[in-house]
Amino acid sequence: LLKANPSDFVGVNFYAPIFVGADDAYALGVRWNDTNPDAVKMFNGPVRPEAFYALLMRIRDEYGNPPVIVTENGAGFGDFDEVLEGGVVKDRLRTDYVRRHIAEMLQAKGDGADIRGYMTWSLFDNFEWIQGYTRRFGMVHVDYGTLKRTPKESFRAYRDIIARHS
């Protein structure tokens, strides 16, 4: 479809790869192979930044290297990854996720993928369709009672990456 109907750009949402395998013991004969190399996985799957790179290279190689805008990329790990220290919300796992995925995207760009833009998911903690307000994915902590916003460590890392590459 993409080859036959070119567009101005291809929008890519990437959070985690999903690896499946045939297994008659599971519903529909398919099981999820969780090959997460990290100790903790995010809410929506294993952390595999190299799979993000592979996807961008596949778009380059198999679909004529169209302009790509990454429209969503991000992760949430749970309250244990958000510790308030000195007015800063420390979210080490999300910060690591952001750095590693952007590094893979920049490598893909360096290797010829036509990357035109990148948007994080999500700038602010927000309402998620499945989890409501119970899961936090933002780089800015929102106190839902007062609506006070506190930048997280991942926000500062993202800001610094933007400054280095602008």
N, C-alpha and C. Protein backbone atom coordinates (compact mmCIF):
# COMPACT_ATOMS: atom_id res chain seq x y z
N LEU A 1 0.81 -1.20 0.00
CA LEU A 1 0.00 0.00 0.00
C LEU A 1 0.85 1.26 0.00
N LEU A 2 1.90 1.27 0.82
CA LEU A 2 2.74 2.46 0.93
C LEU A 2 3.46 2.76 -0.38
N LYS A 3 3.93 1.70 -1.05
CA LYS A 3 4.62 1.90 -2.33
C LYS A 3 3.67 2.40 -3.40
N ALA A 4 2.46 1.86 -3.41
CA ALA A 4 1.48 2.21 -4.45
C ALA A 4 0.81 3.55 -4.20
N ASN A 5 0.82 4.02 -2.98
CA ASN A 5 0.13 5.26 -2.61
C ASN A 5 1.05 6.15 -1.79
N PRO A 6 2.04 6.76 -2.42
CA PRO A 6 2.96 7.59 -1.65
C PRO A 6 2.26 8.78 -1.01
N SER A 7 2.80 9.21 0.12
CA SER A 7 2.24 10.36 0.82
C SER A 7 3.37 11.36 1.11
N ASP A 8 3.01 12.49 1.68
CA ASP A 8 4.01 13.51 1.98
C ASP A 8 5.01 13.03 3.03
N PHE A 9 4.56 12.20 3.95
CA PHE A 9 5.44 11.62 4.97
C PHE A 9 4.77 10.39 5.55
N VAL A 10 5.56 9.58 6.23
CA VAL A 10 5.05 8.42 6.95
C VAL A 10 5.17 8.74 8.43
N GLY A 11 4.06 8.63 9.16
CA GLY A 11 4.07 8.82 10.61
C GLY A 11 4.32 7.49 11.30
N VAL A 12 5.24 7.48 12.24
CA VAL A 12 5.60 6.26 12.95
C VAL A 12 5.38 6.44 14.44
N ASN A 13 4.59 5.56 15.03
CA ASN A 13 4.47 5.46 16.48
C ASN A 13 5.25 4.22 16.88
N PHE A 14 6.20 4.37 17.79
CA PHE A 14 6.98 3.21 18.25
C PHE A 14 7.14 3.29 19.75
N TYR A 15 6.78 2.19 20.40
CA TYR A 15 6.94 2.07 21.85
C TYR A 15 7.79 0.84 22.15
N ALA A 16 7.36 -0.30 21.63
CA ALA A 16 8.04 -1.56 21.89
C ALA A 16 7.71 -2.53 20.76
N PRO A 17 8.64 -3.41 20.44
CA PRO A 17 8.32 -4.43 19.44
C PRO A 17 7.49 -5.53 20.10
N ILE A 18 6.75 -6.23 19.29
CA ILE A 18 6.00 -7.38 19.78
C ILE A 18 6.48 -8.58 18.97
N PHE A 19 7.09 -9.53 19.66
CA PHE A 19 7.57 -10.75 19.03
C PHE A 19 6.59 -11.86 19.37
N VAL A 20 6.14 -12.58 18.38
CA VAL A 20 5.18 -13.65 18.60
C VAL A 20 5.72 -14.94 17.99
N GLY A 21 5.19 -16.04 18.45
CA GLY A 21 5.56 -17.34 17.91
C GLY A 21 4.36 -18.26 17.90
N ALA A 22 4.39 -19.23 17.00
CA ALA A 22 3.30 -20.20 16.92
C ALA A 22 3.36 -21.13 18.12
N ASP A 23 2.20 -21.36 18.73
CA ASP A 23 2.12 -22.26 19.87
C ASP A 23 0.66 -22.64 20.06
N ASP A 24 0.34 -23.89 19.77
CA ASP A 24 -1.05 -24.35 19.83
C ASP A 24 -1.63 -24.33 21.24
N ALA A 25 -0.80 -24.21 22.26
CA ALA A 25 -1.29 -24.18 23.64
C ALA A 25 -1.92 -22.84 23.99
N TYR A 26 -1.76 -21.83 23.15
CA TYR A 26 -2.29 -20.50 23.42
C TYR A 26 -3.48 -20.19 22.53
N ALA A 27 -4.30 -19.24 22.99
CA ALA A 27 -5.45 -18.80 22.20
C ALA A 27 -4.97 -18.35 20.82
N LEU A 28 -5.70 -18.72 19.82
CA LEU A 28 -5.38 -18.40 18.42
C LEU A 28 -4.07 -19.02 17.96
N GLY A 29 -3.46 -19.89 18.77
CA GLY A 29 -2.23 -20.56 18.37
C GLY A 29 -1.01 -19.67 18.33
N VAL A 30 -1.04 -18.56 19.08
CA VAL A 30 0.07 -17.61 19.06
C VAL A 30 0.42 -17.22 20.49
N ARG A 31 1.71 -17.17 20.80
CA ARG A 31 2.15 -16.69 22.11
C ARG A 31 3.09 -15.50 21.93
N TRP A 32 3.15 -14.65 22.94
CA TRP A 32 4.03 -13.49 22.93
C TRP A 32 5.37 -13.93 23.51
N ASN A 33 6.43 -13.73 22.75
CA ASN A 33 7.78 -14.03 23.21
C ASN A 33 8.39 -12.76 23.78
N ASP A 34 8.41 -12.63 25.07
CA ASP A 34 8.97 -11.44 25.72
C ASP A 34 10.49 -11.62 25.81
N THR A 35 11.19 -10.96 24.92
CA THR A 35 12.65 -11.07 24.88
C THR A 35 13.30 -9.83 25.46
N ASN A 36 12.71 -9.28 26.49
CA ASN A 36 13.18 -8.03 27.09
C ASN A 36 14.58 -8.19 27.69
N PRO A 37 15.57 -7.45 27.15
CA PRO A 37 16.91 -7.55 27.72
C PRO A 37 17.07 -6.72 29.00
N ASP A 38 16.14 -5.84 29.27
CA ASP A 38 16.22 -4.99 30.46
C ASP A 38 15.53 -5.68 31.63
N ALA A 39 15.95 -5.32 32.84
CA ALA A 39 15.40 -5.95 34.04
C ALA A 39 13.92 -5.63 34.23
N VAL A 40 13.49 -4.45 33.82
CA VAL A 40 12.11 -4.03 34.02
C VAL A 40 11.52 -3.64 32.68
N LYS A 41 10.34 -4.16 32.36
CA LYS A 41 9.72 -3.74 31.11
C LYS A 41 8.71 -2.64 31.39
N MET A 42 8.44 -1.86 30.36
CA MET A 42 7.46 -0.79 30.50
C MET A 42 6.06 -1.38 30.43
N PHE A 43 5.06 -0.54 30.65
CA PHE A 43 3.68 -1.00 30.65
C PHE A 43 3.29 -1.68 29.35
N ASN A 44 3.84 -1.20 28.23
CA ASN A 44 3.38 -1.70 26.94
C ASN A 44 4.40 -2.55 26.22
N GLY A 45 5.30 -3.21 26.93
CA GLY A 45 6.17 -4.16 26.28
C GLY A 45 7.64 -4.03 26.63
N PRO A 46 8.47 -4.85 25.97
CA PRO A 46 9.90 -4.84 26.25
C PRO A 46 10.58 -3.59 25.72
N VAL A 47 11.65 -3.20 26.36
CA VAL A 47 12.44 -2.04 25.93
C VAL A 47 13.49 -2.54 24.94
N ARG A 48 13.33 -2.20 23.67
CA ARG A 48 14.24 -2.67 22.62
C ARG A 48 14.53 -1.54 21.63
N PRO A 49 15.38 -0.59 21.98
CA PRO A 49 15.65 0.53 21.07
C PRO A 49 16.22 0.09 19.73
N GLU A 50 16.95 -1.03 19.70
CA GLU A 50 17.50 -1.50 18.43
C GLU A 50 16.40 -1.90 17.45
N ALA A 51 15.23 -2.27 17.97
CA ALA A 51 14.10 -2.58 17.09
C ALA A 51 13.54 -1.31 16.45
N PHE A 52 13.65 -0.19 17.13
CA PHE A 52 13.26 1.11 16.56
C PHE A 52 14.16 1.42 15.36
N TYR A 53 15.46 1.25 15.55
CA TYR A 53 16.41 1.45 14.45
C TYR A 53 16.06 0.53 13.28
N ALA A 54 15.82 -0.75 13.57
CA ALA A 54 15.51 -1.72 12.52
C ALA A 54 14.26 -1.32 11.75
N LEU A 55 13.25 -0.82 12.44
CA LEU A 55 12.02 -0.37 11.77
C LEU A 55 12.32 0.79 10.83
N LEU A 56 13.08 1.77 11.29
CA LEU A 56 13.41 2.93 10.46
C LEU A 56 14.23 2.52 9.24
N MET A 57 15.12 1.55 9.41
CA MET A 57 15.92 1.05 8.28
C MET A 57 15.05 0.26 7.30
N ARG A 58 14.09 -0.46 7.84
CA ARG A 58 13.19 -1.21 6.96
C ARG A 58 12.35 -0.26 6.11
N ILE A 59 11.87 0.82 6.70
CA ILE A 59 11.13 1.82 5.93
C ILE A 59 12.03 2.41 4.85
N ARG A 60 13.27 2.70 5.21
CA ARG A 60 14.23 3.23 4.23
C ARG A 60 14.45 2.24 3.08
N ASP A 61 14.71 0.99 3.42
CA ASP A 61 15.12 0.00 2.43
C ASP A 61 13.98 -0.59 1.61
N GLU A 62 12.82 -0.79 2.23
CA GLU A 62 11.74 -1.50 1.56
C GLU A 62 10.66 -0.59 0.99
N TYR A 63 10.65 0.68 1.37
CA TYR A 63 9.56 1.55 0.94
C TYR A 63 10.05 2.84 0.28
N GLY A 64 11.27 2.82 -0.25
CA GLY A 64 11.75 3.96 -1.02
C GLY A 64 12.20 5.15 -0.21
N ASN A 65 12.49 4.94 1.06
CA ASN A 65 13.00 6.00 1.95
C ASN A 65 12.13 7.25 1.95
N PRO A 66 10.85 7.11 2.28
CA PRO A 66 9.99 8.29 2.36
C PRO A 66 10.36 9.14 3.58
N PRO A 67 9.98 10.42 3.58
CA PRO A 67 10.17 11.23 4.79
C PRO A 67 9.40 10.60 5.96
N VAL A 68 10.05 10.51 7.11
CA VAL A 68 9.44 9.91 8.30
C VAL A 68 9.35 10.96 9.40
N ILE A 69 8.19 11.03 10.02
CA ILE A 69 8.02 11.81 11.24
C ILE A 69 7.61 10.83 12.34
N VAL A 70 8.43 10.75 13.37
CA VAL A 70 8.09 9.91 14.51
C VAL A 70 7.06 10.69 15.31
N THR A 71 5.81 10.22 15.27
CA THR A 71 4.71 10.96 15.87
C THR A 71 4.49 10.61 17.34
N GLU A 72 4.97 9.45 17.77
CA GLU A 72 4.93 9.08 19.19
C GLU A 72 6.04 8.10 19.48
N ASN A 73 6.76 8.34 20.58
CA ASN A 73 7.76 7.41 21.09
C ASN A 73 7.94 7.71 22.57
N GLY A 74 7.70 6.73 23.41
CA GLY A 74 7.84 6.95 24.84
C GLY A 74 7.45 5.73 25.64
N ALA A 75 7.52 5.88 26.97
CA ALA A 75 7.28 4.74 27.84
C ALA A 75 6.83 5.18 29.22
N GLY A 76 6.15 4.28 29.89
CA GLY A 76 5.78 4.45 31.29
C GLY A 76 6.17 3.19 32.03
N PHE A 77 6.68 3.34 33.24
CA PHE A 77 7.17 2.18 33.97
C PHE A 77 6.48 1.94 35.30
N GLY A 78 5.85 2.92 35.86
CA GLY A 78 5.18 2.73 37.14
C GLY A 78 5.67 3.72 38.18
N ASP A 79 4.93 3.79 39.26
CA ASP A 79 5.25 4.75 40.32
C ASP A 79 6.64 4.53 40.90
N PHE A 80 7.14 3.29 40.88
CA PHE A 80 8.47 3.03 41.43
C PHE A 80 9.56 3.76 40.65
N ASP A 81 9.26 4.17 39.41
CA ASP A 81 10.24 4.90 38.59
C ASP A 81 10.10 6.40 38.74
N GLU A 82 9.22 6.86 39.61
CA GLU A 82 9.02 8.30 39.78
C GLU A 82 9.17 8.66 41.25
N VAL A 83 10.35 9.17 41.60
CA VAL A 83 10.66 9.53 42.98
C VAL A 83 10.94 11.02 43.03
N LEU A 84 10.23 11.75 43.89
CA LEU A 84 10.42 13.19 44.02
C LEU A 84 11.61 13.46 44.95
N GLU A 85 12.64 14.12 44.40
CA GLU A 85 13.83 14.47 45.18
C GLU A 85 14.20 15.91 44.86
N GLY A 86 14.15 16.78 45.86
CA GLY A 86 14.57 18.17 45.66
C GLY A 86 13.79 18.90 44.58
N GLY A 87 12.51 18.63 44.49
CA GLY A 87 11.68 19.32 43.50
C GLY A 87 11.76 18.74 42.10
N VAL A 88 12.52 17.65 41.93
CA VAL A 88 12.64 17.00 40.62
C VAL A 88 12.11 15.58 40.73
N VAL A 89 11.30 15.19 39.76
CA VAL A 89 10.82 13.81 39.71
C VAL A 89 11.87 12.99 38.98
N LYS A 90 12.50 12.08 39.70
CA LYS A 90 13.52 11.20 39.12
C LYS A 90 12.81 10.02 38.46
N ASP A 91 12.96 9.91 37.16
CA ASP A 91 12.37 8.79 36.42
C ASP A 91 13.46 8.16 35.55
N ARG A 92 14.35 7.45 36.22
CA ARG A 92 15.55 6.90 35.60
C ARG A 92 15.25 6.00 34.40
N LEU A 93 14.26 5.13 34.51
CA LEU A 93 13.98 4.20 33.42
C LEU A 93 13.47 4.93 32.18
N ARG A 94 12.56 5.89 32.37
CA ARG A 94 12.06 6.66 31.22
C ARG A 94 13.19 7.48 30.60
N THR A 95 14.02 8.09 31.44
CA THR A 95 15.15 8.88 30.94
C THR A 95 16.06 8.02 30.08
N ASP A 96 16.36 6.82 30.55
CA ASP A 96 17.19 5.89 29.79
C ASP A 96 16.51 5.50 28.48
N TYR A 97 15.21 5.23 28.54
CA TYR A 97 14.44 4.88 27.34
C TYR A 97 14.54 5.99 26.30
N VAL A 98 14.31 7.22 26.72
CA VAL A 98 14.34 8.36 25.80
C VAL A 98 15.72 8.49 25.16
N ARG A 99 16.75 8.46 25.97
CA ARG A 99 18.12 8.61 25.44
C ARG A 99 18.46 7.51 24.44
N ARG A 100 18.15 6.27 24.79
CA ARG A 100 18.51 5.14 23.93
C ARG A 100 17.72 5.15 22.62
N HIS A 101 16.44 5.47 22.68
CA HIS A 101 15.63 5.47 21.45
C HIS A 101 16.00 6.63 20.53
N ILE A 102 16.25 7.79 21.10
CA ILE A 102 16.66 8.92 20.26
C ILE A 102 18.03 8.63 19.65
N ALA A 103 18.93 8.00 20.39
CA ALA A 103 20.24 7.64 19.84
C ALA A 103 20.08 6.70 18.65
N GLU A 104 19.18 5.73 18.75
CA GLU A 104 18.94 4.81 17.62
C GLU A 104 18.34 5.54 16.43
N MET A 105 17.43 6.48 16.69
CA MET A 105 16.84 7.26 15.60
C MET A 105 17.90 8.11 14.92
N LEU A 106 18.77 8.73 15.69
CA LEU A 106 19.83 9.55 15.11
C LEU A 106 20.81 8.69 14.31
N GLN A 107 21.05 7.47 14.78
CA GLN A 107 21.90 6.54 14.02
C GLN A 107 21.23 6.19 12.69
N ALA A 108 19.92 5.95 12.72
CA ALA A 108 19.19 5.65 11.48
C ALA A 108 19.27 6.83 10.52
N LYS A 109 19.12 8.03 11.05
CA LYS A 109 19.24 9.23 10.22
C LYS A 109 20.64 9.31 9.61
N GLY A 110 21.65 9.06 10.42
CA GLY A 110 23.02 9.05 9.93
C GLY A 110 23.26 7.97 8.88
N ASP A 111 22.50 6.89 8.96
CA ASP A 111 22.62 5.80 8.00
C ASP A 111 21.69 5.97 6.80
N GLY A 112 21.12 7.16 6.66
CA GLY A 112 20.37 7.47 5.45
C GLY A 112 18.87 7.49 5.54
N ALA A 113 18.28 7.14 6.68
CA ALA A 113 16.82 7.23 6.81
C ALA A 113 16.42 8.70 6.80
N ASP A 114 15.35 9.01 6.09
CA ASP A 114 14.91 10.40 5.92
C ASP A 114 14.00 10.81 7.09
N ILE A 115 14.60 11.00 8.25
CA ILE A 115 13.86 11.37 9.46
C ILE A 115 13.68 12.88 9.45
N ARG A 116 12.42 13.33 9.52
CA ARG A 116 12.13 14.77 9.48
C ARG A 116 11.67 15.34 10.81
N GLY A 117 11.22 14.48 11.72
CA GLY A 117 10.72 15.00 12.99
C GLY A 117 10.57 13.91 14.03
N TYR A 118 10.49 14.33 15.29
CA TYR A 118 10.35 13.40 16.41
C TYR A 118 9.50 14.06 17.48
N MET A 119 8.47 13.35 17.92
CA MET A 119 7.64 13.81 19.02
C MET A 119 7.62 12.74 20.11
N THR A 120 7.83 13.19 21.33
CA THR A 120 7.81 12.26 22.45
C THR A 120 6.37 11.92 22.83
N TRP A 121 6.22 10.80 23.51
CA TRP A 121 4.93 10.40 24.07
C TRP A 121 5.18 10.14 25.55
N SER A 122 4.77 10.91 26.34
CA SER A 122 3.98 12.10 26.17
C SER A 122 4.68 13.23 26.92
N LEU A 123 4.42 14.45 26.53
CA LEU A 123 5.03 15.57 27.24
C LEU A 123 4.50 15.65 28.68
N PHE A 124 3.19 15.54 28.85
CA PHE A 124 2.57 15.62 30.18
C PHE A 124 1.94 14.29 30.56
N ASP A 125 1.91 13.98 31.85
CA ASP A 125 1.07 12.88 32.31
C ASP A 125 -0.34 13.20 31.85
N ASN A 126 -1.05 12.19 31.38
CA ASN A 126 -2.36 12.47 30.80
C ASN A 126 -3.32 11.30 30.99
N PHE A 127 -4.49 11.44 30.44
CA PHE A 127 -5.50 10.39 30.47
C PHE A 127 -5.17 9.39 29.37
N GLU A 128 -5.01 8.13 29.73
CA GLU A 128 -4.77 7.07 28.75
C GLU A 128 -6.07 6.28 28.60
N TRP A 129 -6.39 5.93 27.37
CA TRP A 129 -7.68 5.30 27.08
C TRP A 129 -7.91 4.01 27.85
N ILE A 130 -6.89 3.23 28.06
CA ILE A 130 -7.07 1.95 28.75
C ILE A 130 -6.89 2.10 30.26
N GLN A 131 -5.87 2.86 30.69
CA GLN A 131 -5.55 2.96 32.11
C GLN A 131 -6.09 4.20 32.80
N GLY A 132 -6.71 5.10 32.06
CA GLY A 132 -7.20 6.33 32.67
C GLY A 132 -6.04 7.16 33.20
N TYR A 133 -6.16 7.62 34.45
CA TYR A 133 -5.10 8.42 35.07
C TYR A 133 -4.17 7.58 35.94
N THR A 134 -4.30 6.25 35.89
CA THR A 134 -3.53 5.40 36.80
C THR A 134 -2.09 5.17 36.35
N ARG A 135 -1.79 5.40 35.09
CA ARG A 135 -0.43 5.19 34.57
C ARG A 135 0.13 6.50 34.05
N ARG A 136 1.36 6.76 34.37
CA ARG A 136 2.00 8.03 33.98
C ARG A 136 3.03 7.77 32.90
N PHE A 137 2.86 8.49 31.78
CA PHE A 137 3.76 8.34 30.65
C PHE A 137 4.48 9.65 30.31
N GLY A 138 4.15 10.73 30.98
CA GLY A 138 4.66 12.04 30.60
C GLY A 138 6.05 12.36 31.13
N MET A 139 6.66 13.37 30.51
CA MET A 139 7.95 13.90 30.98
C MET A 139 7.74 15.04 31.98
N VAL A 140 6.50 15.45 32.14
CA VAL A 140 6.14 16.45 33.14
C VAL A 140 5.08 15.81 34.04
N HIS A 141 5.39 15.72 35.34
CA HIS A 141 4.45 15.15 36.31
C HIS A 141 3.30 16.13 36.52
N VAL A 142 2.08 15.62 36.49
CA VAL A 142 0.90 16.44 36.76
C VAL A 142 0.25 15.93 38.04
N ASP A 143 0.12 16.82 39.02
CA ASP A 143 -0.64 16.51 40.22
C ASP A 143 -2.10 16.72 39.84
N TYR A 144 -2.86 15.65 39.71
CA TYR A 144 -4.23 15.76 39.21
C TYR A 144 -5.15 16.49 40.18
N GLY A 145 -4.77 16.59 41.45
CA GLY A 145 -5.57 17.32 42.42
C GLY A 145 -5.42 18.82 42.30
N THR A 146 -4.19 19.27 42.05
CA THR A 146 -3.91 20.72 41.98
C THR A 146 -3.56 21.20 40.58
N LEU A 147 -3.27 20.25 39.68
CA LEU A 147 -2.80 20.51 38.32
C LEU A 147 -1.41 21.12 38.28
N LYS A 148 -0.69 21.07 39.41
CA LYS A 148 0.70 21.53 39.43
C LYS A 148 1.53 20.62 38.53
N ARG A 149 2.41 21.25 37.76
CA ARG A 149 3.26 20.52 36.84
C ARG A 149 4.71 20.60 37.31
N THR A 150 5.37 19.44 37.35
CA THR A 150 6.76 19.36 37.77
C THR A 150 7.55 18.61 36.70
N PRO A 151 8.53 19.27 36.07
CA PRO A 151 9.34 18.57 35.07
C PRO A 151 10.08 17.39 35.69
N LYS A 152 10.09 16.29 34.97
CA LYS A 152 10.80 15.10 35.41
C LYS A 152 12.22 15.12 34.86
N GLU A 153 13.04 14.22 35.38
CA GLU A 153 14.41 14.09 34.89
C GLU A 153 14.42 13.84 33.38
N SER A 154 13.47 13.05 32.87
CA SER A 154 13.41 12.77 31.43
C SER A 154 13.15 14.03 30.62
N PHE A 155 12.41 14.98 31.18
CA PHE A 155 12.17 16.26 30.52
C PHE A 155 13.49 16.99 30.30
N ARG A 156 14.30 17.02 31.35
CA ARG A 156 15.59 17.70 31.26
C ARG A 156 16.51 17.01 30.25
N ALA A 157 16.50 15.68 30.24
CA ALA A 157 17.32 14.93 29.27
C ALA A 157 16.86 15.23 27.84
N TYR A 158 15.56 15.25 27.62
CA TYR A 158 15.00 15.54 26.29
C TYR A 158 15.36 16.96 25.87
N ARG A 159 15.22 17.90 26.79
CA ARG A 159 15.59 19.29 26.52
C ARG A 159 17.06 19.39 26.11
N ASP A 160 17.93 18.68 26.80
CA ASP A 160 19.36 18.73 26.50
C ASP A 160 19.67 18.10 25.14
N ILE A 161 18.98 17.02 24.80
CA ILE A 161 19.16 16.39 23.49
C ILE A 161 18.75 17.36 22.39
N ILE A 162 17.62 18.02 22.57
CA ILE A 162 17.15 18.99 21.57
C ILE A 162 18.18 20.11 21.41
N ALA A 163 18.71 20.62 22.51
CA ALA A 163 19.69 21.71 22.45
C ALA A 163 20.95 21.28 21.70
N ARG A 164 21.39 20.04 21.90
CA ARG A 164 22.60 19.56 21.22
C ARG A 164 22.40 19.35 19.73
N HIS A 165 21.16 19.08 19.31
CA HIS A 165 20.91 18.73 17.91
C HIS A 165 20.11 19.77 17.16
N SER A 166 20.01 20.97 17.69
CA SER A 166 19.25 22.03 17.02
C SER A 166 20.17 22.88 16.15
